[in-house]
Amino acid sequence: MSSLLCALLAAAAPIYQMPKADVDTFLSGMNAGGKPYGERVWLVANQYLGAPYVNGPLGEGPDGTHDKDPLMDLEHVDCVTFVEQTLALAASKSHDETFDLLQRIRYKDGHIAFESRNHFMIADWVANNTFCKDVSKDLGVPTQSLTRTISRKDFFAKRVNAPELGQDIPDQPMTIAYVPVGQAAEATKKLPSPCLICFIGKIDWLFTLHCGLYIRDEKGAGAFYQASSGKGVMKVVKSDLAESIGGSERYLGFTAYEISNPRK
């Protein structure tokens, strides 16, 4: 790690407490050394530890029709927005660059509207962000197949503020391969870094109930970074992946997606 970056990290408040000018300074310094994208994700994720969990902190801004929450909020995160903002920050040299990239990550083709937001983590978010590569079958453990039907019209109908949206979108049968909970510890040994991890739930109308980032440090040791709302822990934490998914009966297993720089 460069001496400049060490000095920035030592002097900086956590990124979720930084004013905009300090975010610019931090990101500029982080990029100055030409560090690989994966190392920058690790640096940002560690700066995010302790950030408070708030469910659904982002929306389409004050002019949005269906969700007037801000388009970016570095001070509060849920599991999805922690992933999105960490990846955008790590790929950017300024607060403004982060904002612009974040919209491309969160919305199909960067079109800011509630109906074009990537609501379903696998069917929308992963499918529309081509910097994700599914590696669930490449981890040296047996996977299981699961088919479910993604119904966007049913999803929007359940939203009291958007029941009229998506009613002409046909349902989408979709099959995934996932790593069962019992194979999580073994599979972790081969996870690339950074890697999006989606926890597959036992309810039948969607796949992902929780997500986070698996990241290896400069020595190759990996950890699962997540915005947690479980067991009274309402903040971003670093934990063991197998213990995190095995500690709840809600999950069947996980899918894994190697992440490359979203700017490339």
Protein backbone atom coordinates (compact mmCIF):
# COMPACT_ATOMS: atom_id res chain seq x y z
CA MET A 1 0.00 0.00 0.00
CA SER A 2 1.41 3.40 -0.97
CA SER A 3 2.51 5.85 1.73
CA LEU A 4 -0.01 8.37 0.38
CA LEU A 5 -2.89 5.94 0.73
CA CYS A 6 -1.72 4.83 4.18
CA ALA A 7 -1.77 8.47 5.25
CA LEU A 8 -5.24 9.00 3.78
CA LEU A 9 -6.63 5.94 5.53
CA ALA A 10 -5.05 6.89 8.83
CA ALA A 11 -6.43 10.42 8.71
CA ALA A 12 -9.82 9.70 7.16
CA ALA A 13 -13.13 9.22 8.85
CA PRO A 14 -15.08 6.17 7.63
CA ILE A 15 -16.35 6.83 4.12
CA TYR A 16 -19.97 6.93 5.32
CA GLN A 17 -19.05 9.91 7.53
CA MET A 18 -17.00 11.84 4.97
CA PRO A 19 -18.20 15.11 3.44
CA LYS A 20 -18.17 15.19 -0.34
CA ALA A 21 -14.78 16.95 -0.57
CA ASP A 22 -13.15 14.28 1.59
CA VAL A 23 -14.69 11.52 -0.53
CA ASP A 24 -13.05 13.17 -3.56
CA THR A 25 -9.68 13.28 -1.77
CA PHE A 26 -9.93 9.68 -0.63
CA LEU A 27 -10.92 8.33 -4.06
CA SER A 28 -8.27 10.38 -5.84
CA GLY A 29 -5.59 9.08 -3.46
CA MET A 30 -6.82 5.51 -3.74
CA ASN A 31 -6.56 5.65 -7.53
CA ALA A 32 -3.18 7.42 -7.57
CA GLY A 33 -1.19 4.24 -6.98
CA GLY A 34 -2.75 2.30 -9.87
CA LYS A 35 -4.07 -0.42 -7.59
CA PRO A 36 -6.07 -3.25 -9.21
CA TYR A 37 -9.83 -2.92 -8.95
CA GLY A 38 -10.16 -5.80 -6.49
CA GLU A 39 -7.82 -4.13 -4.01
CA ARG A 40 -9.77 -0.89 -4.28
CA VAL A 41 -13.00 -2.78 -3.51
CA TRP A 42 -11.32 -4.19 -0.40
CA LEU A 43 -10.21 -0.71 0.71
CA VAL A 44 -13.68 0.79 0.25
CA ALA A 45 -15.44 -2.12 1.94
CA ASN A 46 -13.21 -1.76 4.99
CA GLN A 47 -13.95 1.97 5.07
CA TYR A 48 -17.65 1.05 5.13
CA LEU A 49 -17.45 -1.18 8.24
CA GLY A 50 -19.86 0.09 10.87
CA ALA A 51 -22.09 2.02 8.46
CA PRO A 52 -25.69 1.96 9.75
CA TYR A 53 -28.22 -0.33 8.10
CA VAL A 54 -31.41 1.31 6.80
CA ASN A 55 -33.86 -0.70 4.72
CA GLY A 56 -34.36 0.73 1.21
CA PRO A 57 -32.34 3.95 1.56
CA LEU A 58 -32.16 4.76 -2.16
CA GLY A 59 -34.83 5.72 -4.66
CA GLU A 60 -35.28 7.90 -7.71
CA GLY A 61 -34.63 11.20 -5.94
CA PRO A 62 -37.04 13.98 -4.90
CA ASP A 63 -38.51 14.16 -8.40
CA GLY A 64 -39.22 10.42 -8.52
CA THR A 65 -42.80 9.32 -9.08
CA HIS A 66 -42.81 6.16 -6.98
CA ASP A 67 -39.80 6.39 -4.65
CA LYS A 68 -38.47 9.79 -3.59
CA ASP A 69 -35.52 8.53 -1.56
CA PRO A 70 -32.13 9.89 -2.71
CA LEU A 71 -30.26 8.54 -5.72
CA MET A 72 -27.13 8.12 -3.61
CA ASP A 73 -26.63 8.01 0.16
CA LEU A 74 -23.20 7.04 1.42
CA GLU A 75 -24.31 7.43 5.04
CA HIS A 76 -26.85 4.58 5.12
CA VAL A 77 -27.00 1.22 3.34
CA ASP A 78 -28.97 -1.96 3.06
CA CYS A 79 -27.48 -5.17 1.69
CA VAL A 80 -27.99 -4.23 -1.96
CA THR A 81 -26.99 -0.56 -1.78
CA PHE A 82 -23.85 -1.47 0.19
CA VAL A 83 -22.80 -3.70 -2.72
CA GLU A 84 -23.74 -1.11 -5.34
CA GLN A 85 -22.07 1.88 -3.69
CA THR A 86 -18.92 -0.06 -2.76
CA LEU A 87 -18.43 -1.22 -6.35
CA ALA A 88 -19.13 2.26 -7.75
CA LEU A 89 -16.81 4.02 -5.28
CA ALA A 90 -13.98 1.57 -5.99
CA ALA A 91 -14.26 2.26 -9.73
CA SER A 92 -14.38 6.06 -9.43
CA LYS A 93 -12.03 8.99 -8.85
CA SER A 94 -14.60 11.37 -7.37
CA HIS A 95 -17.98 11.63 -5.67
CA ASP A 96 -19.58 12.80 -8.93
CA GLU A 97 -18.10 9.91 -10.91
CA THR A 98 -19.46 7.54 -8.26
CA PHE A 99 -22.94 9.03 -8.57
CA ASP A 100 -23.01 8.61 -12.35
CA LEU A 101 -21.72 5.03 -12.27
CA LEU A 102 -24.11 4.08 -9.49
CA GLN A 103 -27.10 4.91 -11.68
CA ARG A 104 -25.77 2.66 -14.44
CA ILE A 105 -25.40 -0.17 -11.92
CA ARG A 106 -28.82 0.29 -10.31
CA TYR A 107 -30.92 0.85 -13.44
CA LYS A 108 -31.22 -0.99 -16.74
CA ASP A 109 -29.33 1.03 -19.35
CA GLY A 110 -28.91 3.77 -16.71
CA HIS A 111 -32.53 4.88 -17.18
CA ILE A 112 -33.61 6.26 -13.79
CA ALA A 113 -37.17 5.13 -13.14
CA PHE A 114 -38.74 2.83 -10.58
CA GLU A 115 -39.86 0.38 -13.25
CA SER A 116 -36.35 0.10 -14.75
CA ARG A 117 -34.55 -0.36 -11.44
CA ASN A 118 -32.82 -3.74 -11.09
CA HIS A 119 -35.24 -5.03 -8.46
CA PHE A 120 -34.54 -8.77 -8.79
CA MET A 121 -30.93 -9.44 -7.85
CA ILE A 122 -30.29 -12.35 -10.24
CA ALA A 123 -32.94 -11.83 -12.93
CA ASP A 124 -32.29 -8.06 -13.23
CA TRP A 125 -29.16 -6.87 -11.41
CA VAL A 126 -26.79 -9.63 -12.49
CA ALA A 127 -28.38 -9.96 -15.94
CA ASN A 128 -28.07 -6.23 -16.69
CA ASN A 129 -24.58 -5.74 -15.25
CA THR A 130 -22.25 -7.53 -17.62
CA PHE A 131 -19.27 -7.12 -15.28
CA CYS A 132 -20.72 -10.09 -13.31
CA LYS A 133 -19.61 -13.64 -14.18
CA ASP A 134 -21.42 -16.59 -12.63
CA VAL A 135 -18.81 -18.85 -11.00
CA SER A 136 -21.18 -20.90 -8.84
CA LYS A 137 -20.30 -24.10 -10.75
CA ASP A 138 -16.54 -23.41 -10.67
CA LEU A 139 -15.91 -23.74 -6.94
CA GLY A 140 -15.06 -27.46 -6.77
CA VAL A 141 -18.24 -28.53 -4.98
CA PRO A 142 -21.53 -30.08 -6.17
CA THR A 143 -24.25 -27.55 -6.98
CA GLN A 144 -28.01 -27.95 -7.03
CA SER A 145 -30.47 -26.70 -9.65
CA LEU A 146 -33.46 -24.55 -8.78
CA THR A 147 -36.23 -23.25 -11.05
CA ARG A 148 -38.58 -20.45 -10.08
CA THR A 149 -40.83 -18.00 -11.90
CA ILE A 150 -39.99 -14.31 -11.71
CA SER A 151 -43.20 -12.27 -11.92
CA ARG A 152 -42.54 -8.57 -12.22
CA LYS A 153 -46.23 -7.77 -12.54
CA ASP A 154 -46.86 -9.50 -9.20
CA PHE A 155 -43.91 -7.66 -7.65
CA PHE A 156 -45.19 -4.26 -8.71
CA ALA A 157 -48.78 -5.16 -7.75
CA LYS A 158 -47.58 -5.72 -4.18
CA ARG A 159 -46.18 -2.19 -4.05
CA VAL A 160 -48.79 0.21 -2.78
CA ASN A 161 -47.09 3.04 -4.65
CA ALA A 162 -46.68 1.28 -8.01
CA PRO A 163 -49.42 -1.31 -8.64
CA GLU A 164 -49.92 -0.21 -12.24
CA LEU A 165 -46.35 -0.91 -13.38
CA GLY A 166 -45.13 -3.97 -15.24
CA GLN A 167 -48.54 -5.47 -15.91
CA ASP A 168 -47.63 -6.20 -19.54
CA ILE A 169 -44.34 -7.95 -18.67
CA PRO A 170 -44.64 -11.74 -19.08
CA ASP A 171 -43.56 -13.99 -16.24
CA GLN A 172 -40.01 -15.35 -16.55
CA PRO A 173 -39.23 -18.97 -15.62
CA MET A 174 -35.58 -19.10 -14.58
CA THR A 175 -33.19 -21.86 -13.50
CA ILE A 176 -30.06 -21.29 -11.44
CA ALA A 177 -27.32 -23.46 -9.99
CA TYR A 178 -26.47 -22.78 -6.34
CA VAL A 179 -23.97 -23.98 -3.76
CA PRO A 180 -25.85 -25.74 -0.91
CA VAL A 181 -25.33 -24.45 2.62
CA GLY A 182 -23.48 -27.62 3.60
CA GLN A 183 -20.86 -27.02 0.87
CA ALA A 184 -20.28 -23.35 1.71
CA ALA A 185 -17.07 -23.75 3.71
CA GLU A 186 -15.40 -25.85 1.01
CA ALA A 187 -16.61 -23.62 -1.82
CA THR A 188 -15.22 -20.52 -0.11
CA LYS A 189 -11.67 -21.77 -0.68
CA LYS A 190 -11.99 -21.17 -4.44
CA LEU A 191 -14.03 -17.97 -4.48
CA PRO A 192 -12.47 -15.22 -6.62
CA SER A 193 -12.20 -11.68 -5.32
CA PRO A 194 -14.19 -9.52 -5.42
CA CYS A 195 -17.25 -11.71 -5.68
CA LEU A 196 -20.95 -10.94 -5.33
CA ILE A 197 -22.65 -13.50 -3.11
CA CYS A 198 -26.43 -13.98 -3.30
CA PHE A 199 -28.08 -15.99 -0.52
CA ILE A 200 -30.84 -18.17 -2.02
CA GLY A 201 -33.95 -18.33 0.12
CA LYS A 202 -36.66 -20.89 0.69
CA ILE A 203 -39.59 -18.75 -0.47
CA ASP A 204 -40.88 -19.56 -3.93
CA TRP A 205 -41.34 -16.25 -5.78
CA LEU A 206 -37.75 -14.98 -5.90
CA PHE A 207 -34.23 -16.28 -5.45
CA THR A 208 -32.17 -13.78 -3.44
CA LEU A 209 -32.99 -12.90 0.17
CA HIS A 210 -29.64 -11.32 1.03
CA CYS A 211 -26.38 -10.38 -0.66
CA GLY A 212 -22.88 -9.14 0.08
CA LEU A 213 -19.31 -9.14 -1.18
CA TYR A 214 -16.64 -11.79 -0.67
CA ILE A 215 -13.27 -10.02 -0.77
CA ARG A 216 -9.70 -11.18 -0.22
CA ASP A 217 -7.15 -8.90 1.42
CA GLU A 218 -3.59 -8.24 0.19
CA LYS A 219 -2.46 -11.56 1.72
CA GLY A 220 -5.26 -13.58 0.14
CA ALA A 221 -7.38 -14.04 3.25
CA GLY A 222 -11.08 -13.75 2.42
CA ALA A 223 -14.09 -12.43 4.31
CA PHE A 224 -17.75 -11.77 3.65
CA TYR A 225 -18.71 -8.07 3.82
CA GLN A 226 -22.41 -7.41 4.30
CA ALA A 227 -24.88 -4.82 5.50
CA SER A 228 -26.51 -6.94 8.17
CA SER A 229 -29.93 -6.57 9.73
CA GLY A 230 -29.91 -9.89 11.57
CA LYS A 231 -29.64 -10.69 15.26
CA GLY A 232 -29.72 -7.03 16.23
CA VAL A 233 -26.66 -6.15 14.11
CA MET A 234 -27.83 -3.17 12.05
CA LYS A 235 -24.60 -2.20 10.30
CA VAL A 236 -21.92 -3.24 7.81
CA VAL A 237 -19.84 -6.10 9.18
CA LYS A 238 -17.09 -8.46 8.08
CA SER A 239 -17.76 -12.13 8.78
CA ASP A 240 -17.13 -15.73 7.78
CA LEU A 241 -19.28 -16.62 4.77
CA ALA A 242 -20.04 -20.20 5.79
CA GLU A 243 -21.01 -19.12 9.30
CA SER A 244 -23.17 -16.28 7.97
CA ILE A 245 -25.23 -18.47 5.65
CA GLY A 246 -25.26 -21.46 7.97
CA GLY A 247 -26.51 -19.43 10.91
CA SER A 248 -30.03 -19.08 9.51
CA GLU A 249 -32.63 -21.60 8.39
CA ARG A 250 -33.90 -19.16 5.75
CA TYR A 251 -31.32 -20.15 3.14
CA LEU A 252 -30.79 -23.05 0.74
CA GLY A 253 -27.32 -21.89 -0.30
CA PHE A 254 -25.68 -19.20 -2.42
CA THR A 255 -24.74 -18.18 -5.92
CA ALA A 256 -21.43 -16.44 -6.66
CA TYR A 257 -20.48 -13.89 -9.34
CA GLU A 258 -16.94 -12.74 -10.02
CA ILE A 259 -16.90 -8.94 -10.32
CA SER A 260 -14.73 -7.02 -12.77
CA ASN A 261 -14.36 -3.26 -13.01
CA PRO A 262 -17.79 -1.90 -14.04
CA ARG A 263 -16.10 0.92 -16.00
CA LYS A 264 -14.50 -1.47 -18.47
